[in-house]
Amino acid sequence: MVLLAKIAIVVVMLGIIASLGSGLVFLMRDRSQSRRTLNALTVRIGLSVTLFLLILLGLATGFIEPNGSPLGAGPAG
């Protein structure tokens, strides 16, 4: 199950990067009144909010555990 959560996070992150890239391409190519750039960036925002909520849900349910702080670890020896 933890592997499934990691795969879901990676897939959503790749979707965010793909949407950002397509928005850049549409911005450079479309010189007219096209809404493709706006649509691509809207998808990116939706995916980013989804990723944020998935991470919060995973932390709240204990499915995802945060790493400890290296500052409070003390000396290694």
PDB file of N, CA and C in Angstrom:
ATOM      1  N   MET A   1       0.808  -1.201   0.000  1.00  0.00           N
ATOM      2  CA  MET A   1       0.000   0.000   0.000  1.00  0.00           C
ATOM      3  C   MET A   1       0.851   1.266   0.000  1.00  0.00           C
ATOM      4  N   VAL A   2       1.969   1.224   0.725  1.00  0.00           N
ATOM      5  CA  VAL A   2       2.840   2.396   0.755  1.00  0.00           C
ATOM      6  C   VAL A   2       3.426   2.632  -0.635  1.00  0.00           C
ATOM      7  N   LEU A   3       3.762   1.547  -1.322  1.00  0.00           N
ATOM      8  CA  LEU A   3       4.286   1.677  -2.673  1.00  0.00           C
ATOM      9  C   LEU A   3       3.241   2.292  -3.600  1.00  0.00           C
ATOM     10  N   LEU A   4       1.992   1.917  -3.411  1.00  0.00           N
ATOM     11  CA  LEU A   4       0.909   2.490  -4.218  1.00  0.00           C
ATOM     12  C   LEU A   4       0.791   3.997  -3.981  1.00  0.00           C
ATOM     13  N   ALA A   5       0.940   4.430  -2.746  1.00  0.00           N
ATOM     14  CA  ALA A   5       0.880   5.858  -2.431  1.00  0.00           C
ATOM     15  C   ALA A   5       2.049   6.598  -3.079  1.00  0.00           C
ATOM     16  N   LYS A   6       3.234   6.003  -3.031  1.00  0.00           N
ATOM     17  CA  LYS A   6       4.399   6.638  -3.653  1.00  0.00           C
ATOM     18  C   LYS A   6       4.227   6.737  -5.169  1.00  0.00           C
ATOM     19  N   ILE A   7       3.690   5.685  -5.755  1.00  0.00           N
ATOM     20  CA  ILE A   7       3.463   5.710  -7.201  1.00  0.00           C
ATOM     21  C   ILE A   7       2.429   6.777  -7.560  1.00  0.00           C
ATOM     22  N   ALA A   8       1.377   6.904  -6.755  1.00  0.00           N
ATOM     23  CA  ALA A   8       0.353   7.925  -7.017  1.00  0.00           C
ATOM     24  C   ALA A   8       0.950   9.327  -6.927  1.00  0.00           C
ATOM     25  N   ILE A   9       1.803   9.556  -5.946  1.00  0.00           N
ATOM     26  CA  ILE A   9       2.440  10.870  -5.793  1.00  0.00           C
ATOM     27  C   ILE A   9       3.336  11.169  -6.989  1.00  0.00           C
ATOM     28  N   VAL A  10       4.114  10.182  -7.426  1.00  0.00           N
ATOM     29  CA  VAL A  10       5.005  10.389  -8.567  1.00  0.00           C
ATOM     30  C   VAL A  10       4.201  10.644  -9.846  1.00  0.00           C
ATOM     31  N   VAL A  11       3.113   9.909 -10.034  1.00  0.00           N
ATOM     32  CA  VAL A  11       2.285  10.098 -11.231  1.00  0.00           C
ATOM     33  C   VAL A  11       1.670  11.495 -11.248  1.00  0.00           C
ATOM     34  N   VAL A  12       1.180  11.959 -10.110  1.00  0.00           N
ATOM     35  CA  VAL A  12       0.596  13.304 -10.054  1.00  0.00           C
ATOM     36  C   VAL A  12       1.675  14.359 -10.295  1.00  0.00           C
ATOM     37  N   MET A  13       2.878  14.148  -9.740  1.00  0.00           N
ATOM     38  CA  MET A  13       3.964  15.105  -9.974  1.00  0.00           C
ATOM     39  C   MET A  13       4.356  15.143 -11.449  1.00  0.00           C
ATOM     40  N   LEU A  14       4.402  13.980 -12.101  1.00  0.00           N
ATOM     41  CA  LEU A  14       4.700  13.961 -13.535  1.00  0.00           C
ATOM     42  C   LEU A  14       3.602  14.653 -14.334  1.00  0.00           C
ATOM     43  N   GLY A  15       2.359  14.498 -13.906  1.00  0.00           N
ATOM     44  CA  GLY A  15       1.256  15.208 -14.557  1.00  0.00           C
ATOM     45  C   GLY A  15       1.388  16.713 -14.408  1.00  0.00           C
ATOM     46  N   ILE A  16       1.835  17.161 -13.235  1.00  0.00           N
ATOM     47  CA  ILE A  16       2.047  18.598 -13.012  1.00  0.00           C
ATOM     48  C   ILE A  16       3.126  19.119 -13.942  1.00  0.00           C
ATOM     49  N   ILE A  17       4.226  18.373 -14.060  1.00  0.00           N
ATOM     50  CA  ILE A  17       5.326  18.800 -14.933  1.00  0.00           C
ATOM     51  C   ILE A  17       4.884  18.802 -16.396  1.00  0.00           C
ATOM     52  N   ALA A  18       4.125  17.783 -16.815  1.00  0.00           N
ATOM     53  CA  ALA A  18       3.637  17.723 -18.199  1.00  0.00           C
ATOM     54  C   ALA A  18       2.690  18.884 -18.490  1.00  0.00           C
ATOM     55  N   SER A  19       1.828  19.204 -17.543  1.00  0.00           N
ATOM     56  CA  SER A  19       0.891  20.311 -17.737  1.00  0.00           C
ATOM     57  C   SER A  19       1.630  21.648 -17.804  1.00  0.00           C
ATOM     58  N   LEU A  20       2.647  21.784 -16.980  1.00  0.00           N
ATOM     59  CA  LEU A  20       3.440  23.014 -17.011  1.00  0.00           C
ATOM     60  C   LEU A  20       4.171  23.147 -18.349  1.00  0.00           C
ATOM     61  N   GLY A  21       4.715  22.037 -18.838  1.00  0.00           N
ATOM     62  CA  GLY A  21       5.393  22.060 -20.134  1.00  0.00           C
ATOM     63  C   GLY A  21       4.446  22.369 -21.281  1.00  0.00           C
ATOM     64  N   SER A  22       3.256  21.767 -21.253  1.00  0.00           N
ATOM     65  CA  SER A  22       2.306  22.044 -22.327  1.00  0.00           C
ATOM     66  C   SER A  22       1.830  23.490 -22.268  1.00  0.00           C
ATOM     67  N   GLY A  23       1.692  24.031 -21.063  1.00  0.00           N
ATOM     68  CA  GLY A  23       1.329  25.439 -20.943  1.00  0.00           C
ATOM     69  C   GLY A  23       2.387  26.349 -21.547  1.00  0.00           C
ATOM     70  N   LEU A  24       3.651  25.984 -21.351  1.00  0.00           N
ATOM     71  CA  LEU A  24       4.741  26.771 -21.936  1.00  0.00           C
ATOM     72  C   LEU A  24       4.709  26.684 -23.455  1.00  0.00           C
ATOM     73  N   VAL A  25       4.508  25.494 -23.985  1.00  0.00           N
ATOM     74  CA  VAL A  25       4.443  25.322 -25.440  1.00  0.00           C
ATOM     75  C   VAL A  25       3.273  26.108 -26.020  1.00  0.00           C
ATOM     76  N   PHE A  26       2.115  26.022 -25.377  1.00  0.00           N
ATOM     77  CA  PHE A  26       0.951  26.759 -25.871  1.00  0.00           C
ATOM     78  C   PHE A  26       1.183  28.266 -25.792  1.00  0.00           C
ATOM     79  N   LEU A  27       1.870  28.707 -24.758  1.00  0.00           N
ATOM     80  CA  LEU A  27       2.149  30.132 -24.607  1.00  0.00           C
ATOM     81  C   LEU A  27       3.061  30.626 -25.721  1.00  0.00           C
ATOM     82  N   MET A  28       4.034  29.805 -26.096  1.00  0.00           N
ATOM     83  CA  MET A  28       4.984  30.220 -27.135  1.00  0.00           C
ATOM     84  C   MET A  28       4.385  30.125 -28.542  1.00  0.00           C
ATOM     85  N   ARG A  29       3.546  29.129 -28.777  1.00  0.00           N
ATOM     86  CA  ARG A  29       3.030  28.905 -30.130  1.00  0.00           C
ATOM     87  C   ARG A  29       1.764  29.690 -30.439  1.00  0.00           C
ATOM     88  N   ASP A  30       0.871  29.789 -29.483  1.00  0.00           N
ATOM     89  CA  ASP A  30      -0.426  30.433 -29.738  1.00  0.00           C
ATOM     90  C   ASP A  30      -0.299  31.943 -29.545  1.00  0.00           C
ATOM     91  N   ARG A  31      -0.387  32.638 -30.621  1.00  0.00           N
ATOM     92  CA  ARG A  31      -0.328  34.102 -30.555  1.00  0.00           C
ATOM     93  C   ARG A  31      -1.728  34.704 -30.628  1.00  0.00           C
ATOM     94  N   SER A  32      -2.740  33.856 -30.755  1.00  0.00           N
ATOM     95  CA  SER A  32      -4.108  34.349 -30.905  1.00  0.00           C
ATOM     96  C   SER A  32      -4.834  34.323 -29.568  1.00  0.00           C
ATOM     97  N   GLN A  33      -6.148  34.324 -29.629  1.00  0.00           N
ATOM     98  CA  GLN A  33      -6.977  34.340 -28.427  1.00  0.00           C
ATOM     99  C   GLN A  33      -7.287  32.929 -27.933  1.00  0.00           C
ATOM    100  N   SER A  34      -6.364  32.006 -28.082  1.00  0.00           N
ATOM    101  CA  SER A  34      -6.578  30.627 -27.670  1.00  0.00           C
ATOM    102  C   SER A  34      -6.583  30.515 -26.141  1.00  0.00           C
ATOM    103  N   ARG A  35      -7.402  29.603 -25.638  1.00  0.00           N
ATOM    104  CA  ARG A  35      -7.494  29.390 -24.188  1.00  0.00           C
ATOM    105  C   ARG A  35      -6.707  28.155 -23.760  1.00  0.00           C
ATOM    106  N   ARG A  36      -5.883  27.602 -24.650  1.00  0.00           N
ATOM    107  CA  ARG A  36      -5.161  26.380 -24.315  1.00  0.00           C
ATOM    108  C   ARG A  36      -4.163  26.601 -23.186  1.00  0.00           C
ATOM    109  N   THR A  37      -3.501  27.741 -23.145  1.00  0.00           N
ATOM    110  CA  THR A  37      -2.562  28.026 -22.061  1.00  0.00           C
ATOM    111  C   THR A  37      -3.292  28.100 -20.733  1.00  0.00           C
ATOM    112  N   LEU A  38      -4.416  28.780 -20.714  1.00  0.00           N
ATOM    113  CA  LEU A  38      -5.213  28.885 -19.492  1.00  0.00           C
ATOM    114  C   LEU A  38      -5.697  27.516 -19.033  1.00  0.00           C
ATOM    115  N   ASN A  39      -6.139  26.692 -19.967  1.00  0.00           N
ATOM    116  CA  ASN A  39      -6.605  25.349 -19.611  1.00  0.00           C
ATOM    117  C   ASN A  39      -5.475  24.494 -19.055  1.00  0.00           C
ATOM    118  N   ALA A  40      -4.294  24.576 -19.654  1.00  0.00           N
ATOM    119  CA  ALA A  40      -3.151  23.789 -19.172  1.00  0.00           C
ATOM    120  C   ALA A  40      -2.758  24.229 -17.761  1.00  0.00           C
ATOM    121  N   LEU A  41      -2.756  25.512 -17.509  1.00  0.00           N
ATOM    122  CA  LEU A  41      -2.381  25.998 -16.180  1.00  0.00           C
ATOM    123  C   LEU A  41      -3.468  25.703 -15.151  1.00  0.00           C
ATOM    124  N   THR A  42      -4.733  25.678 -15.583  1.00  0.00           N
ATOM    125  CA  THR A  42      -5.817  25.293 -14.678  1.00  0.00           C
ATOM    126  C   THR A  42      -5.682  23.827 -14.273  1.00  0.00           C
ATOM    127  N   VAL A  43      -5.319  22.982 -15.219  1.00  0.00           N
ATOM    128  CA  VAL A  43      -5.090  21.572 -14.912  1.00  0.00           C
ATOM    129  C   VAL A  43      -3.935  21.435 -13.931  1.00  0.00           C
ATOM    130  N   ARG A  44      -2.867  22.212 -14.121  1.00  0.00           N
ATOM    131  CA  ARG A  44      -1.710  22.151 -13.231  1.00  0.00           C
ATOM    132  C   ARG A  44      -2.086  22.552 -11.815  1.00  0.00           C
ATOM    133  N   ILE A  45      -2.883  23.579 -11.682  1.00  0.00           N
ATOM    134  CA  ILE A  45      -3.313  24.011 -10.351  1.00  0.00           C
ATOM    135  C   ILE A  45      -4.175  22.938  -9.694  1.00  0.00           C
ATOM    136  N   GLY A  46      -5.065  22.342 -10.459  1.00  0.00           N
ATOM    137  CA  GLY A  46      -5.894  21.264  -9.920  1.00  0.00           C
ATOM    138  C   GLY A  46      -5.072  20.073  -9.474  1.00  0.00           C
ATOM    139  N   LEU A  47      -4.072  19.698 -10.266  1.00  0.00           N
ATOM    140  CA  LEU A  47      -3.205  18.588  -9.885  1.00  0.00           C
ATOM    141  C   LEU A  47      -2.369  18.925  -8.660  1.00  0.00           C
ATOM    142  N   SER A  48      -1.916  20.168  -8.561  1.00  0.00           N
ATOM    143  CA  SER A  48      -1.131  20.577  -7.396  1.00  0.00           C
ATOM    144  C   SER A  48      -1.959  20.535  -6.116  1.00  0.00           C
ATOM    145  N   VAL A  49      -3.191  20.991  -6.198  1.00  0.00           N
ATOM    146  CA  VAL A  49      -4.074  20.948  -5.025  1.00  0.00           C
ATOM    147  C   VAL A  49      -4.376  19.497  -4.660  1.00  0.00           C
ATOM    148  N   THR A  50      -4.599  18.651  -5.668  1.00  0.00           N
ATOM    149  CA  THR A  50      -4.843  17.231  -5.414  1.00  0.00           C
ATOM    150  C   THR A  50      -3.653  16.580  -4.731  1.00  0.00           C
ATOM    151  N   LEU A  51      -2.449  16.877  -5.214  1.00  0.00           N
ATOM    152  CA  LEU A  51      -1.245  16.320  -4.597  1.00  0.00           C
ATOM    153  C   LEU A  51      -1.109  16.778  -3.156  1.00  0.00           C
ATOM    154  N   PHE A  52      -1.348  18.053  -2.902  1.00  0.00           N
ATOM    155  CA  PHE A  52      -1.255  18.592  -1.551  1.00  0.00           C
ATOM    156  C   PHE A  52      -2.251  17.894  -0.619  1.00  0.00           C
ATOM    157  N   LEU A  53      -3.478  17.712  -1.101  1.00  0.00           N
ATOM    158  CA  LEU A  53      -4.495  17.055  -0.284  1.00  0.00           C
ATOM    159  C   LEU A  53      -4.179  15.575  -0.053  1.00  0.00           C
ATOM    160  N   LEU A  54      -3.623  14.898  -1.053  1.00  0.00           N
ATOM    161  CA  LEU A  54      -3.219  13.504  -0.878  1.00  0.00           C
ATOM    162  C   LEU A  54      -2.130  13.367   0.176  1.00  0.00           C
ATOM    163  N   ILE A  55      -1.173  14.280   0.155  1.00  0.00           N
ATOM    164  CA  ILE A  55      -0.096  14.239   1.150  1.00  0.00           C
ATOM    165  C   ILE A  55      -0.646  14.541   2.539  1.00  0.00           C
ATOM    166  N   LEU A  56      -1.519  15.528   2.653  1.00  0.00           N
ATOM    167  CA  LEU A  56      -2.119  15.833   3.957  1.00  0.00           C
ATOM    168  C   LEU A  56      -2.951  14.667   4.482  1.00  0.00           C
ATOM    169  N   LEU A  57      -3.700  14.026   3.602  1.00  0.00           N
ATOM    170  CA  LEU A  57      -4.503  12.876   4.001  1.00  0.00           C
ATOM    171  C   LEU A  57      -3.608  11.723   4.458  1.00  0.00           C
ATOM    172  N   GLY A  58      -2.536  11.503   3.742  1.00  0.00           N
ATOM    173  CA  GLY A  58      -1.599  10.452   4.128  1.00  0.00           C
ATOM    174  C   GLY A  58      -0.947  10.728   5.465  1.00  0.00           C
ATOM    175  N   LEU A  59      -0.608  11.972   5.729  1.00  0.00           N
ATOM    176  CA  LEU A  59      -0.019  12.331   7.023  1.00  0.00           C
ATOM    177  C   LEU A  59      -1.039  12.229   8.152  1.00  0.00           C
ATOM    178  N   ALA A  60      -2.275  12.635   7.882  1.00  0.00           N
ATOM    179  CA  ALA A  60      -3.313  12.610   8.914  1.00  0.00           C
ATOM    180  C   ALA A  60      -3.697  11.189   9.301  1.00  0.00           C
ATOM    181  N   THR A  61      -3.689  10.276   8.338  1.00  0.00           N
ATOM    182  CA  THR A  61      -4.076   8.902   8.622  1.00  0.00           C
ATOM    183  C   THR A  61      -2.912   8.035   9.076  1.00  0.00           C
ATOM    184  N   GLY A  62      -1.705   8.566   9.020  1.00  0.00           N
ATOM    185  CA  GLY A  62      -0.533   7.791   9.415  1.00  0.00           C
ATOM    186  C   GLY A  62      -0.001   6.902   8.311  1.00  0.00           C
ATOM    187  N   PHE A  63      -0.559   7.038   7.126  1.00  0.00           N
ATOM    188  CA  PHE A  63      -0.118   6.253   5.979  1.00  0.00           C
ATOM    189  C   PHE A  63       1.264   6.702   5.515  1.00  0.00           C
ATOM    190  N   ILE A  64       1.522   7.982   5.633  1.00  0.00           N
ATOM    191  CA  ILE A  64       2.830   8.567   5.319  1.00  0.00           C
ATOM    192  C   ILE A  64       3.408   9.077   6.623  1.00  0.00           C
ATOM    193  N   GLU A  65       4.645   8.684   6.922  1.00  0.00           N
ATOM    194  CA  GLU A  65       5.306   9.146   8.141  1.00  0.00           C
ATOM    195  C   GLU A  65       6.433  10.097   7.763  1.00  0.00           C
ATOM    196  N   PRO A  66       6.484  11.259   8.398  1.00  0.00           N
ATOM    197  CA  PRO A  66       7.563  12.201   8.091  1.00  0.00           C
ATOM    198  C   PRO A  66       8.882  11.714   8.685  1.00  0.00           C
ATOM    199  N   ASN A  67       9.968  12.124   8.067  1.00  0.00           N
ATOM    200  CA  ASN A  67      11.286  11.810   8.583  1.00  0.00           C
ATOM    201  C   ASN A  67      11.581  12.692   9.787  1.00  0.00           C
ATOM    202  N   GLY A  68      12.406  12.197  10.690  1.00  0.00           N
ATOM    203  CA  GLY A  68      12.795  12.994  11.839  1.00  0.00           C
ATOM    204  C   GLY A  68      13.740  14.108  11.440  1.00  0.00           C
ATOM    205  N   SER A  69      13.836  15.108  12.272  1.00  0.00           N
ATOM    206  CA  SER A  69      14.712  16.228  12.002  1.00  0.00           C
ATOM    207  C   SER A  69      16.157  15.842  12.269  1.00  0.00           C
ATOM    208  N   PRO A  70      17.074  16.133  11.376  1.00  0.00           N
ATOM    209  CA  PRO A  70      18.481  15.820  11.634  1.00  0.00           C
ATOM    210  C   PRO A  70      19.087  16.733  12.697  1.00  0.00           C
ATOM    211  N   LEU A  71      18.422  17.850  13.010  1.00  0.00           N
ATOM    212  CA  LEU A  71      18.965  18.765  14.007  1.00  0.00           C
ATOM    213  C   LEU A  71      18.843  18.186  15.419  1.00  0.00           C
ATOM    214  N   GLY A  72      17.827  17.366  15.658  1.00  0.00           N
ATOM    215  CA  GLY A  72      17.634  16.811  16.993  1.00  0.00           C
ATOM    216  C   GLY A  72      18.241  15.437  17.154  1.00  0.00           C
ATOM    217  N   ALA A  73      19.034  14.985  16.199  1.00  0.00           N
ATOM    218  CA  ALA A  73      19.572  13.623  16.231  1.00  0.00           C
ATOM    219  C   ALA A  73      20.735  13.476  17.207  1.00  0.00           C
ATOM    220  N   GLY A  74      21.436  14.534  17.483  1.00  0.00           N
ATOM    221  CA  GLY A  74      22.595  14.445  18.385  1.00  0.00           C
ATOM    222  C   GLY A  74      23.835  13.979  17.654  1.00  0.00           C
ATOM    223  N   PRO A  75      24.936  13.811  18.384  1.00  0.00           N
ATOM    224  CA  PRO A  75      26.185  13.407  17.753  1.00  0.00           C
ATOM    225  C   PRO A  75      26.111  11.952  17.246  1.00  0.00           C
ATOM    226  N   ALA A  76      26.837  11.680  16.183  1.00  0.00           N
ATOM    227  CA  ALA A  76      26.798  10.365  15.560  1.00  0.00           C
ATOM    228  C   ALA A  76      27.693   9.363  16.283  1.00  0.00           C
ATOM    229  N   GLY A  77      28.540   9.798  17.103  1.00  0.00           N
ATOM    230  CA  GLY A  77      29.502   8.864  17.702  1.00  0.00           C
ATOM    231  C   GLY A  77      29.278   8.612  19.077  1.00  0.00           C
TER     232      GLY A  77
END
